Amino acid sequence: MARAWFQSEEMPLKQVSDIFLELYDAHDRNAPSHDIFSEESAQKLTALQDDFIQEVNDAIQAGNVPPKSKKIDLLQRVAVCLHVFDYTTSELIEGRQPRTPPQSISLQTLNRAQQFVDYAETQKHIVMEVSPIIFLFFYSGP
């Protein structure tokens, strides 16, 4: 059904590459803007940061090495990218020329970004677990 919908005459967006071309053009023509997080998404970011700070404090009090993470920074960056991509794609699907995206990043977009970052983190852990096994398998001598 999705393929038929995309191939129908009513669909103005015919290729995914059109989205990326539009993003590239928008980057050059639009004045720089500062995206901000909605009140709900800003509260969630603050709560996530507080949770991380608590983890660090707990590790220090227990005498363990505190965790290191760029997760909040990555989360913000991915949320901005998803926000711009979603807006641009939606406008093109509706047959409109995209303008500057709204500045406010919704909680829904932040939640989607968090799902993506969490998934990427699990993939990293899988690779890190498999890498030593592969190394031992290929490089162990007789």
C-alpha atoms as a PDB file:
ATOM      1  CA  MET A   1       0.000   0.000   0.000  1.00  0.00           C
ATOM      2  CA  ALA A   2       2.800   2.402   0.875  1.00  0.00           C
ATOM      3  CA  ARG A   3       4.559   1.805  -2.433  1.00  0.00           C
ATOM      4  CA  ALA A   4       1.330   2.398  -4.359  1.00  0.00           C
ATOM      5  CA  TRP A   5       0.706   5.586  -2.374  1.00  0.00           C
ATOM      6  CA  PHE A   6       4.187   6.933  -3.118  1.00  0.00           C
ATOM      7  CA  GLN A   7       3.817   6.087  -6.799  1.00  0.00           C
ATOM      8  CA  SER A   8       0.381   7.677  -7.130  1.00  0.00           C
ATOM      9  CA  GLU A   9      -0.106  10.903  -9.060  1.00  0.00           C
ATOM     10  CA  GLU A  10      -1.282  12.708  -5.916  1.00  0.00           C
ATOM     11  CA  MET A  11       2.072  12.238  -4.199  1.00  0.00           C
ATOM     12  CA  PRO A  12       4.328  15.229  -4.953  1.00  0.00           C
ATOM     13  CA  LEU A  13       7.409  13.604  -3.368  1.00  0.00           C
ATOM     14  CA  LYS A  14       8.753  10.983  -5.779  1.00  0.00           C
ATOM     15  CA  GLN A  15      12.262  10.298  -4.464  1.00  0.00           C
ATOM     16  CA  VAL A  16      13.795  10.254  -1.014  1.00  0.00           C
ATOM     17  CA  SER A  17      16.792  12.110  -2.431  1.00  0.00           C
ATOM     18  CA  ASP A  18      14.509  15.141  -2.868  1.00  0.00           C
ATOM     19  CA  ILE A  19      14.331  15.421   0.918  1.00  0.00           C
ATOM     20  CA  PHE A  20      18.105  15.587   1.259  1.00  0.00           C
ATOM     21  CA  LEU A  21      18.426  18.052  -1.619  1.00  0.00           C
ATOM     22  CA  GLU A  22      15.882  20.285   0.093  1.00  0.00           C
ATOM     23  CA  LEU A  23      17.734  20.008   3.410  1.00  0.00           C
ATOM     24  CA  TYR A  24      20.967  20.974   1.681  1.00  0.00           C
ATOM     25  CA  ASP A  25      19.358  23.957  -0.048  1.00  0.00           C
ATOM     26  CA  ALA A  26      17.637  25.065   3.170  1.00  0.00           C
ATOM     27  CA  HIS A  27      20.954  24.969   5.004  1.00  0.00           C
ATOM     28  CA  ASP A  28      22.410  27.443   2.514  1.00  0.00           C
ATOM     29  CA  ARG A  29      19.469  29.819   2.183  1.00  0.00           C
ATOM     30  CA  ASN A  30      17.994  30.047   5.669  1.00  0.00           C
ATOM     31  CA  ALA A  31      19.317  32.367   8.306  1.00  0.00           C
ATOM     32  CA  PRO A  32      20.815  30.529  11.256  1.00  0.00           C
ATOM     33  CA  SER A  33      18.248  29.763  13.899  1.00  0.00           C
ATOM     34  CA  HIS A  34      18.440  28.386  17.359  1.00  0.00           C
ATOM     35  CA  ASP A  35      16.197  25.442  17.976  1.00  0.00           C
ATOM     36  CA  ILE A  36      14.746  25.256  21.438  1.00  0.00           C
ATOM     37  CA  PHE A  37      13.085  22.438  23.257  1.00  0.00           C
ATOM     38  CA  SER A  38       9.464  22.743  24.296  1.00  0.00           C
ATOM     39  CA  GLU A  39       8.796  23.050  28.009  1.00  0.00           C
ATOM     40  CA  GLU A  40       7.988  19.334  28.295  1.00  0.00           C
ATOM     41  CA  SER A  41      11.072  18.246  26.360  1.00  0.00           C
ATOM     42  CA  ALA A  42      13.303  20.647  28.347  1.00  0.00           C
ATOM     43  CA  GLN A  43      11.962  19.130  31.579  1.00  0.00           C
ATOM     44  CA  LYS A  44      12.746  15.643  30.292  1.00  0.00           C
ATOM     45  CA  LEU A  45      16.290  16.669  29.332  1.00  0.00           C
ATOM     46  CA  THR A  46      16.790  18.138  32.813  1.00  0.00           C
ATOM     47  CA  ALA A  47      15.491  14.940  34.419  1.00  0.00           C
ATOM     48  CA  LEU A  48      17.826  12.809  32.285  1.00  0.00           C
ATOM     49  CA  GLN A  49      20.765  15.041  33.210  1.00  0.00           C
ATOM     50  CA  ASP A  50      19.828  14.823  36.896  1.00  0.00           C
ATOM     51  CA  ASP A  51      19.661  11.018  36.658  1.00  0.00           C
ATOM     52  CA  PHE A  52      23.128  10.919  35.094  1.00  0.00           C
ATOM     53  CA  ILE A  53      24.543  13.215  37.765  1.00  0.00           C
ATOM     54  CA  GLN A  54      23.057  10.938  40.406  1.00  0.00           C
ATOM     55  CA  GLU A  55      24.729   7.910  38.771  1.00  0.00           C
ATOM     56  CA  VAL A  56      28.062   9.719  38.833  1.00  0.00           C
ATOM     57  CA  ASN A  57      27.625  10.711  42.486  1.00  0.00           C
ATOM     58  CA  ASP A  58      26.622   7.168  43.457  1.00  0.00           C
ATOM     59  CA  ALA A  59      29.683   5.728  41.707  1.00  0.00           C
ATOM     60  CA  ILE A  60      31.995   8.205  43.427  1.00  0.00           C
ATOM     61  CA  GLN A  61      30.488   7.479  46.845  1.00  0.00           C
ATOM     62  CA  ALA A  62      30.854   3.743  46.260  1.00  0.00           C
ATOM     63  CA  GLY A  63      34.479   4.196  45.206  1.00  0.00           C
ATOM     64  CA  ASN A  64      33.829   3.105  41.620  1.00  0.00           C
ATOM     65  CA  VAL A  65      34.903   4.764  38.422  1.00  0.00           C
ATOM     66  CA  PRO A  66      32.131   7.197  37.480  1.00  0.00           C
ATOM     67  CA  PRO A  67      30.349   6.571  34.185  1.00  0.00           C
ATOM     68  CA  LYS A  68      31.177   8.701  31.190  1.00  0.00           C
ATOM     69  CA  SER A  69      28.499   9.623  28.741  1.00  0.00           C
ATOM     70  CA  LYS A  70      27.781  12.060  25.965  1.00  0.00           C
ATOM     71  CA  LYS A  71      24.251  10.741  25.759  1.00  0.00           C
ATOM     72  CA  ILE A  72      22.509  14.032  26.614  1.00  0.00           C
ATOM     73  CA  ASP A  73      24.538  15.916  24.010  1.00  0.00           C
ATOM     74  CA  LEU A  74      23.890  13.210  21.403  1.00  0.00           C
ATOM     75  CA  LEU A  75      20.221  13.162  22.316  1.00  0.00           C
ATOM     76  CA  GLN A  76      19.910  16.906  21.735  1.00  0.00           C
ATOM     77  CA  ARG A  77      21.724  16.729  18.405  1.00  0.00           C
ATOM     78  CA  VAL A  78      19.668  13.802  17.133  1.00  0.00           C
ATOM     79  CA  ALA A  79      16.445  15.505  18.254  1.00  0.00           C
ATOM     80  CA  VAL A  80      17.330  18.626  16.235  1.00  0.00           C
ATOM     81  CA  CYS A  81      18.135  16.497  13.175  1.00  0.00           C
ATOM     82  CA  LEU A  82      14.894  14.539  13.455  1.00  0.00           C
ATOM     83  CA  HIS A  83      12.945  17.765  13.975  1.00  0.00           C
ATOM     84  CA  VAL A  84      14.288  19.341  10.779  1.00  0.00           C
ATOM     85  CA  PHE A  85      14.036  16.109   8.767  1.00  0.00           C
ATOM     86  CA  ASP A  86      10.458  15.444   9.893  1.00  0.00           C
ATOM     87  CA  TYR A  87       9.336  18.988   9.131  1.00  0.00           C
ATOM     88  CA  THR A  88      10.971  19.055   5.701  1.00  0.00           C
ATOM     89  CA  THR A  89       9.642  15.627   4.743  1.00  0.00           C
ATOM     90  CA  SER A  90       6.110  16.479   5.892  1.00  0.00           C
ATOM     91  CA  GLU A  91       6.093  19.684   3.876  1.00  0.00           C
ATOM     92  CA  LEU A  92       7.338  17.939   0.730  1.00  0.00           C
ATOM     93  CA  ILE A  93       4.777  15.152   1.095  1.00  0.00           C
ATOM     94  CA  GLU A  94       2.051  17.791   1.345  1.00  0.00           C
ATOM     95  CA  GLY A  95       3.375  19.424  -1.840  1.00  0.00           C
ATOM     96  CA  ARG A  96       4.553  22.594  -0.104  1.00  0.00           C
ATOM     97  CA  GLN A  97       7.932  24.258  -0.343  1.00  0.00           C
ATOM     98  CA  PRO A  98       9.499  23.899   3.126  1.00  0.00           C
ATOM     99  CA  ARG A  99      10.382  27.074   4.979  1.00  0.00           C
ATOM    100  CA  THR A 100      12.325  27.372   8.177  1.00  0.00           C
ATOM    101  CA  PRO A 101      11.164  24.667  10.602  1.00  0.00           C
ATOM    102  CA  PRO A 102       9.425  25.734  13.806  1.00  0.00           C
ATOM    103  CA  GLN A 103      11.972  26.425  16.507  1.00  0.00           C
ATOM    104  CA  SER A 104      10.308  24.405  19.251  1.00  0.00           C
ATOM    105  CA  ILE A 105      11.284  20.745  19.421  1.00  0.00           C
ATOM    106  CA  SER A 106       8.464  18.624  20.798  1.00  0.00           C
ATOM    107  CA  LEU A 107       8.569  15.966  23.475  1.00  0.00           C
ATOM    108  CA  GLN A 108       7.500  13.428  20.838  1.00  0.00           C
ATOM    109  CA  THR A 109      10.580  14.250  18.750  1.00  0.00           C
ATOM    110  CA  LEU A 110      12.810  14.058  21.826  1.00  0.00           C
ATOM    111  CA  ASN A 111      11.331  10.632  22.686  1.00  0.00           C
ATOM    112  CA  ARG A 112      12.021   9.405  19.146  1.00  0.00           C
ATOM    113  CA  ALA A 113      15.576  10.698  19.393  1.00  0.00           C
ATOM    114  CA  GLN A 114      15.992   8.888  22.700  1.00  0.00           C
ATOM    115  CA  GLN A 115      14.813   5.630  21.129  1.00  0.00           C
ATOM    116  CA  PHE A 116      17.341   6.060  18.324  1.00  0.00           C
ATOM    117  CA  VAL A 117      20.229   6.899  20.681  1.00  0.00           C
ATOM    118  CA  ASP A 118      19.325   3.964  22.955  1.00  0.00           C
ATOM    119  CA  TYR A 119      19.246   1.622  19.947  1.00  0.00           C
ATOM    120  CA  ALA A 120      22.609   2.893  18.706  1.00  0.00           C
ATOM    121  CA  GLU A 121      24.053   2.389  22.173  1.00  0.00           C
ATOM    122  CA  THR A 122      22.867  -1.229  22.299  1.00  0.00           C
ATOM    123  CA  GLN A 123      24.437  -1.840  18.888  1.00  0.00           C
ATOM    124  CA  LYS A 124      27.713  -0.383  20.150  1.00  0.00           C
ATOM    125  CA  HIS A 125      27.656  -2.741  23.138  1.00  0.00           C
ATOM    126  CA  ILE A 126      27.009  -5.725  20.878  1.00  0.00           C
ATOM    127  CA  VAL A 127      29.965  -4.795  18.675  1.00  0.00           C
ATOM    128  CA  MET A 128      32.191  -4.252  21.704  1.00  0.00           C
ATOM    129  CA  GLU A 129      31.272  -7.701  23.057  1.00  0.00           C
ATOM    130  CA  VAL A 130      31.834  -9.450  19.732  1.00  0.00           C
ATOM    131  CA  SER A 131      35.097  -7.659  18.841  1.00  0.00           C
ATOM    132  CA  PRO A 132      37.299  -9.424  21.423  1.00  0.00           C
ATOM    133  CA  ILE A 133      35.862 -12.803  20.423  1.00  0.00           C
ATOM    134  CA  ILE A 134      36.628 -12.168  16.756  1.00  0.00           C
ATOM    135  CA  PHE A 135      40.094 -10.908  17.667  1.00  0.00           C
ATOM    136  CA  LEU A 136      40.832 -14.036  19.685  1.00  0.00           C
ATOM    137  CA  PHE A 137      39.438 -16.294  16.985  1.00  0.00           C
ATOM    138  CA  PHE A 138      41.456 -14.810  14.120  1.00  0.00           C
ATOM    139  CA  TYR A 139      44.645 -13.841  15.909  1.00  0.00           C
ATOM    140  CA  SER A 140      45.212 -16.645  18.377  1.00  0.00           C
ATOM    141  CA  GLY A 141      48.231 -18.671  17.525  1.00  0.00           C
ATOM    142  CA  PRO A 142      48.427 -22.468  17.375  1.00  0.00           C
END
